[in-house]
């Protein structure tokens, strides 16, 4: 009986000590931020701008590692399978969810294999048309689309891309039907938009900017729910298509099981860095604004968006190539 009491007391003590031990787990000696895209891409630029101040704040070396391929799946998978000690992080964007929603098979569970840490920022896409078209407003575009279903062609960076899914969501919300023309990359699509081979495209400002400035492409609206300060002359698309709202984001994740105290520490540091001068210079050109979220709020956002994109992909039978 005495032995049983002793064993019970020891077990109870270990149960109390476990959370304490986790809370006191030493920080990693090196942090790797994996970017699942090529060097020089927008996510890579943001990651490198984040790494320097984060290293200073944590007093830990922070390096950026590019693992591109399969629309970001290769890099994300490497993080999902990394040690959950906080030494490996994933910096990615909304394509993390659109790829997951449209891939026939994934080597990881996008909702359960990762611990969301912080959203660095978010910003709208732009609805744009070729300057060879007569469209001057979303209303003009919608009228033409309703007059001739399937008669307007919209381009995207490829099947299952954010532009593809955003355009299908637009068609559904507006109750119109345009024809999809997939390209191998947004640069090829926007070139044909400028040339008039396609009439419509929903894409990021950085992709469209050179041709907007040259007058070959005309921006009609932002996809954010409200007007956006970076694009003050553009109305929100929701004013013409009630309920339509898309903001693309950039955020940081860790492998599931990473200690909660470390997740919370990284969340605080990244939220503060996001509003700093170091990040502002790389976020502002695309209309991205900092958004301070708790890990729990970010996780809820991820779940909501994944459900939306999964539904769009299923309804339109979209499977990434």
Protein backbone atom coordinates (compact mmCIF):
# COMPACT_ATOMS: atom_id res chain seq x y z
CA UNK A 1 0.00 0.00 0.00
CA UNK A 2 2.82 2.39 0.91
CA UNK A 3 4.52 1.63 -2.41
CA UNK A 4 1.32 2.42 -4.32
CA UNK A 5 0.97 5.75 -2.50
CA UNK A 6 4.54 6.65 -3.33
CA UNK A 7 4.04 5.79 -7.00
CA UNK A 8 0.82 7.82 -7.09
CA UNK A 9 2.56 10.86 -5.59
CA UNK A 10 5.45 10.60 -8.05
CA UNK A 11 3.06 10.37 -11.00
CA UNK A 12 1.11 13.39 -9.77
CA UNK A 13 4.31 15.37 -9.32
CA UNK A 14 5.45 14.53 -12.84
CA UNK A 15 2.07 15.66 -14.17
CA UNK A 16 2.59 19.06 -12.53
CA UNK A 17 6.20 19.34 -13.64
CA UNK A 18 5.63 18.52 -17.30
CA UNK A 19 4.10 21.90 -18.33
CA UNK A 20 6.77 23.67 -16.27
CA UNK A 21 9.50 21.68 -17.99
CA UNK A 22 8.05 22.55 -21.39
CA UNK A 23 7.82 26.21 -20.48
CA UNK A 24 11.48 26.15 -19.46
CA UNK A 25 12.67 24.34 -22.60
CA UNK A 26 15.79 26.09 -23.88
CA UNK A 27 15.45 28.09 -27.12
CA UNK A 28 17.11 26.70 -30.24
CA UNK A 29 20.70 27.67 -31.01
CA UNK A 30 19.86 28.44 -34.65
CA UNK A 31 16.61 29.20 -36.46
CA UNK A 32 16.05 28.33 -40.12
CA UNK A 33 13.20 30.11 -41.92
CA UNK A 34 12.21 27.95 -44.87
CA UNK A 35 10.72 29.82 -47.84
CA UNK A 36 9.02 27.38 -50.23
CA UNK A 37 9.73 29.59 -53.25
CA UNK A 38 12.77 30.74 -55.20
CA UNK A 39 15.25 33.34 -53.99
CA UNK A 40 14.21 36.84 -54.99
CA UNK A 41 10.47 36.14 -54.90
CA UNK A 42 8.34 38.38 -52.68
CA UNK A 43 8.11 35.85 -49.84
CA UNK A 44 11.88 35.44 -49.90
CA UNK A 45 12.41 39.21 -49.69
CA UNK A 46 10.07 39.44 -46.70
CA UNK A 47 11.74 36.49 -44.98
CA UNK A 48 15.19 38.07 -45.28
CA UNK A 49 13.87 41.40 -44.01
CA UNK A 50 12.32 39.59 -41.04
CA UNK A 51 15.36 37.45 -40.25
CA UNK A 52 17.70 40.30 -39.31
CA UNK A 53 15.59 42.02 -36.61
CA UNK A 54 14.28 38.68 -35.35
CA UNK A 55 17.84 37.46 -34.79
CA UNK A 56 18.63 40.63 -32.84
CA UNK A 57 15.55 40.37 -30.66
CA UNK A 58 16.04 36.69 -29.86
CA UNK A 59 19.84 36.83 -29.76
CA UNK A 60 19.83 33.71 -31.95
CA UNK A 61 21.20 33.39 -35.49
CA UNK A 62 18.37 33.29 -38.06
CA UNK A 63 18.99 32.13 -41.61
CA UNK A 64 16.71 31.87 -44.64
CA UNK A 65 16.63 28.70 -46.71
CA UNK A 66 14.82 28.40 -50.07
CA UNK A 67 13.16 25.08 -50.87
CA UNK A 68 11.09 25.74 -53.98
CA UNK A 69 8.92 23.37 -55.97
CA UNK A 70 5.40 21.96 -56.40
CA UNK A 71 3.69 25.30 -55.66
CA UNK A 72 5.32 25.47 -52.25
CA UNK A 73 4.54 21.91 -51.19
CA UNK A 74 8.18 20.71 -51.09
CA UNK A 75 9.28 23.42 -48.68
CA UNK A 76 6.19 23.11 -46.51
CA UNK A 77 6.60 19.34 -46.29
CA UNK A 78 10.20 19.71 -45.13
CA UNK A 79 9.04 21.94 -42.26
CA UNK A 80 6.17 19.63 -41.33
CA UNK A 81 8.70 16.83 -40.88
CA UNK A 82 11.26 18.96 -38.98
CA UNK A 83 11.93 18.80 -35.22
CA UNK A 84 9.21 20.64 -33.29
CA UNK A 85 11.66 22.54 -31.11
CA UNK A 86 11.27 25.94 -32.77
CA UNK A 87 14.46 25.65 -34.81
CA UNK A 88 12.66 25.44 -38.18
CA UNK A 89 9.94 27.84 -39.33
CA UNK A 90 7.95 28.22 -42.53
CA UNK A 91 7.31 31.63 -44.09
CA UNK A 92 4.67 31.35 -46.77
CA UNK A 93 1.61 33.05 -48.21
CA UNK A 94 -2.00 32.36 -49.17
CA UNK A 95 -0.76 29.95 -51.85
CA UNK A 96 -0.11 27.55 -48.94
CA UNK A 97 -3.89 27.05 -48.77
CA UNK A 98 -4.77 27.24 -52.46
CA UNK A 99 -2.14 24.60 -53.24
CA UNK A 100 -3.48 22.41 -50.45
CA UNK A 101 -7.06 22.84 -51.67
CA UNK A 102 -6.27 21.86 -55.25
CA UNK A 103 -3.60 19.17 -54.93
CA UNK A 104 -4.86 15.62 -55.50
CA UNK A 105 -2.59 14.38 -52.71
CA UNK A 106 -0.49 16.13 -50.10
CA UNK A 107 2.29 14.66 -47.97
CA UNK A 108 1.00 16.60 -44.95
CA UNK A 109 -2.23 17.83 -43.36
CA UNK A 110 -2.32 21.62 -43.91
CA UNK A 111 -4.41 22.23 -40.79
CA UNK A 112 -2.85 19.79 -38.34
CA UNK A 113 0.79 19.45 -39.39
CA UNK A 114 1.62 23.08 -38.58
CA UNK A 115 1.30 25.52 -35.69
CA UNK A 116 0.40 29.00 -37.00
CA UNK A 117 2.60 31.61 -35.31
CA UNK A 118 1.85 35.05 -36.76
CA UNK A 119 0.48 36.79 -39.79
CA UNK A 120 3.01 39.36 -40.95
CA UNK A 121 0.58 41.25 -43.15
CA UNK A 122 -2.19 41.11 -45.70
CA UNK A 123 -3.27 43.03 -48.78
CA UNK A 124 -5.69 42.88 -51.69
CA UNK A 125 -5.44 41.55 -55.18
CA UNK A 126 -6.48 43.80 -58.06
CA UNK A 127 -9.16 43.23 -60.67
CA UNK A 128 -7.59 44.41 -63.93
CA UNK A 129 -8.52 44.48 -67.60
CA UNK A 130 -6.70 45.03 -70.85
CA UNK A 131 -6.67 48.68 -71.90
CA UNK A 132 -7.91 47.48 -75.28
CA UNK A 133 -11.29 46.79 -73.65
CA UNK A 134 -13.90 49.52 -73.07
CA UNK A 135 -14.34 48.56 -69.40
CA UNK A 136 -13.87 51.46 -66.99
CA UNK A 137 -15.54 50.01 -63.91
CA UNK A 138 -16.49 46.64 -62.43
CA UNK A 139 -20.05 47.39 -63.54
CA UNK A 140 -18.95 47.65 -67.18
CA UNK A 141 -17.17 44.30 -66.92
CA UNK A 142 -20.13 42.61 -65.25
CA UNK A 143 -22.55 43.90 -67.88
CA UNK A 144 -20.41 42.46 -70.67
CA UNK A 145 -19.99 39.14 -68.85
CA UNK A 146 -23.74 38.82 -68.35
CA UNK A 147 -24.51 39.76 -71.94
CA UNK A 148 -22.30 37.00 -73.32
CA UNK A 149 -21.59 34.15 -70.83
CA UNK A 150 -18.17 32.64 -71.46
CA UNK A 151 -17.30 35.39 -73.95
CA UNK A 152 -14.65 37.06 -71.78
CA UNK A 153 -11.35 35.30 -71.08
CA UNK A 154 -9.51 35.68 -67.80
CA UNK A 155 -5.94 34.59 -67.24
CA UNK A 156 -4.15 33.13 -64.25
CA UNK A 157 -0.72 31.86 -63.27
CA UNK A 158 -2.02 28.31 -63.68
CA UNK A 159 -4.67 25.82 -62.65
CA UNK A 160 -5.20 26.04 -58.89
CA UNK A 161 -3.36 29.34 -58.50
CA UNK A 162 -4.71 32.07 -56.22
CA UNK A 163 -5.76 34.07 -59.29
CA UNK A 164 -7.66 31.09 -60.68
CA UNK A 165 -9.59 30.42 -57.46
CA UNK A 166 -10.20 34.14 -56.82
CA UNK A 167 -11.66 34.49 -60.33
CA UNK A 168 -13.92 31.47 -59.91
CA UNK A 169 -15.12 32.90 -56.59
CA UNK A 170 -15.80 36.19 -58.40
CA UNK A 171 -17.83 34.41 -61.09
CA UNK A 172 -19.87 32.60 -58.46
CA UNK A 173 -20.52 35.68 -56.34
CA UNK A 174 -21.43 37.84 -59.36
CA UNK A 175 -23.41 35.04 -61.05
CA UNK A 176 -21.47 35.39 -64.30
CA UNK A 177 -19.27 33.02 -66.25
CA UNK A 178 -15.93 33.89 -67.82
CA UNK A 179 -13.56 31.45 -69.55
CA UNK A 180 -10.32 30.48 -67.81
CA UNK A 181 -7.02 30.60 -69.71
CA UNK A 182 -4.24 29.13 -67.53
CA UNK A 183 -0.62 30.14 -68.10
CA UNK A 184 2.71 28.90 -66.84
CA UNK A 185 3.27 31.80 -64.49
CA UNK A 186 1.67 35.18 -63.87
CA UNK A 187 4.22 37.03 -66.02
CA UNK A 188 3.05 35.21 -69.16
CA UNK A 189 -0.59 35.87 -68.32
CA UNK A 190 -0.15 39.58 -67.74
CA UNK A 191 1.77 39.92 -71.01
CA UNK A 192 -1.23 38.55 -72.89
CA UNK A 193 -3.53 40.77 -70.83
CA UNK A 194 -1.60 43.80 -72.05
CA UNK A 195 -1.77 42.48 -75.61
CA UNK A 196 -5.52 41.92 -75.47
CA UNK A 197 -5.38 38.14 -75.97
CA UNK A 198 -7.20 37.87 -72.62
CA UNK A 199 -9.44 40.56 -71.21
CA UNK A 200 -9.45 40.09 -67.42
CA UNK A 201 -7.09 39.11 -64.62
CA UNK A 202 -7.15 39.09 -60.84
CA UNK A 203 -3.59 39.32 -59.58
CA UNK A 204 -1.20 41.05 -57.20
CA UNK A 205 -0.21 44.67 -57.70
CA UNK A 206 3.47 43.80 -58.07
CA UNK A 207 2.63 41.56 -61.05
CA UNK A 208 0.41 44.14 -62.71
CA UNK A 209 2.24 47.34 -61.74
CA UNK A 210 4.62 47.79 -64.74
CA UNK A 211 1.79 47.45 -67.25
CA UNK A 212 -0.61 49.57 -65.22
CA UNK A 213 2.02 52.32 -65.19
CA UNK A 214 2.60 51.98 -68.94
CA UNK A 215 -1.13 52.25 -69.59
CA UNK A 216 -1.46 48.82 -71.19
CA UNK A 217 -3.50 47.42 -68.30
CA UNK A 218 -6.28 49.15 -66.38
CA UNK A 219 -7.01 48.36 -62.72
CA UNK A 220 -10.71 48.50 -61.86
CA UNK A 221 -11.00 47.45 -58.21
CA UNK A 222 -9.37 45.93 -55.16
CA UNK A 223 -10.52 42.58 -53.79
CA UNK A 224 -10.46 43.68 -50.15
CA UNK A 225 -13.81 44.14 -48.43
CA UNK A 226 -13.17 47.85 -47.84
CA UNK A 227 -11.35 50.53 -49.80
CA UNK A 228 -7.57 50.27 -49.38
CA UNK A 229 -5.32 53.22 -48.54
CA UNK A 230 -2.61 52.06 -50.96
CA UNK A 231 -5.10 52.10 -53.84
CA UNK A 232 -7.26 55.08 -52.92
CA UNK A 233 -8.56 55.54 -56.47
CA UNK A 234 -9.91 52.00 -56.72
CA UNK A 235 -13.26 50.88 -55.26
CA UNK A 236 -13.62 47.59 -53.41
CA UNK A 237 -15.05 44.90 -55.64
CA UNK A 238 -17.59 44.18 -52.91
CA UNK A 239 -19.34 47.45 -53.85
CA UNK A 240 -20.38 45.78 -57.12
CA UNK A 241 -20.36 42.15 -55.96
CA UNK A 242 -21.72 42.05 -52.39
CA UNK A 243 -19.92 39.62 -50.12
CA UNK A 244 -16.84 39.25 -52.31
CA UNK A 245 -13.67 39.70 -50.28
CA UNK A 246 -10.14 38.36 -50.64
CA UNK A 247 -6.98 39.48 -48.89
CA UNK A 248 -3.79 37.56 -49.50
CA UNK A 249 -1.46 37.18 -46.54
CA UNK A 250 2.10 36.34 -45.56
CA UNK A 251 2.62 34.41 -42.34
CA UNK A 252 4.94 32.26 -40.27
CA UNK A 253 4.36 28.67 -39.12
CA UNK A 254 6.17 26.04 -37.05
CA UNK A 255 5.80 22.27 -37.05
CA UNK A 256 2.87 21.07 -34.95
CA UNK A 257 3.95 20.28 -31.41
CA UNK A 258 6.33 23.22 -31.07
CA UNK A 259 6.15 24.37 -27.42
CA UNK A 260 3.41 26.94 -26.84
CA UNK A 261 5.64 29.38 -24.88
CA UNK A 262 8.02 29.56 -27.86
CA UNK A 263 5.13 30.06 -30.30
CA UNK A 264 3.83 32.92 -28.13
CA UNK A 265 7.28 34.52 -27.89
CA UNK A 266 7.73 34.40 -31.67
CA UNK A 267 4.23 35.82 -32.14
CA UNK A 268 5.03 38.86 -29.98
CA UNK A 269 8.35 39.52 -31.69
CA UNK A 270 7.01 39.11 -35.24
CA UNK A 271 3.98 41.32 -34.54
CA UNK A 272 6.29 44.10 -33.39
CA UNK A 273 8.73 43.65 -36.29
CA UNK A 274 5.86 43.76 -38.80
CA UNK A 275 5.12 47.40 -37.98
CA UNK A 276 8.79 48.43 -38.04
CA UNK A 277 10.65 50.35 -40.73
CA UNK A 278 12.58 47.19 -41.71
CA UNK A 279 9.40 45.50 -42.88
CA UNK A 280 7.47 48.52 -44.11
CA UNK A 281 9.76 49.03 -47.10
CA UNK A 282 9.14 45.49 -48.37
CA UNK A 283 5.44 45.27 -47.52
CA UNK A 284 4.14 48.61 -48.80
CA UNK A 285 4.92 48.19 -52.54
CA UNK A 286 2.31 45.41 -52.76
CA UNK A 287 -0.22 47.17 -50.55
CA UNK A 288 0.47 44.74 -47.70
CA UNK A 289 -0.31 46.08 -44.24
CA UNK A 290 0.73 44.56 -40.89
CA UNK A 291 -1.93 42.56 -39.06
CA UNK A 292 -1.33 41.63 -35.42
CA UNK A 293 -3.01 38.30 -34.69
CA UNK A 294 -2.67 35.80 -31.88
CA UNK A 295 -1.68 32.27 -32.92
CA UNK A 296 -5.25 31.14 -32.18
CA UNK A 297 -6.78 33.86 -34.37
CA UNK A 298 -4.38 33.06 -37.19
CA UNK A 299 -5.26 29.36 -36.91
CA UNK A 300 -8.98 30.21 -37.15
CA UNK A 301 -8.33 32.33 -40.24
CA UNK A 302 -6.39 29.48 -41.85
CA UNK A 303 -9.21 27.01 -41.22
CA UNK A 304 -11.87 29.37 -42.60
CA UNK A 305 -9.95 30.15 -45.79
CA UNK A 306 -8.99 26.54 -46.42
CA UNK A 307 -12.64 25.55 -46.18
CA UNK A 308 -13.55 28.24 -48.71
CA UNK A 309 -10.85 27.27 -51.24
CA UNK A 310 -11.57 23.58 -50.80
CA UNK A 311 -15.23 24.23 -51.59
CA UNK A 312 -14.39 26.29 -54.71
CA UNK A 313 -11.98 23.61 -55.93
CA UNK A 314 -14.53 20.84 -55.39
CA UNK A 315 -17.44 22.69 -57.00
CA UNK A 316 -15.42 23.57 -60.10
CA UNK A 317 -13.43 20.33 -60.18
CA UNK A 318 -10.11 22.18 -59.98
CA UNK A 319 -7.08 19.93 -59.60
CA UNK A 320 -3.64 21.53 -59.81
CA UNK A 321 -1.44 20.27 -62.63
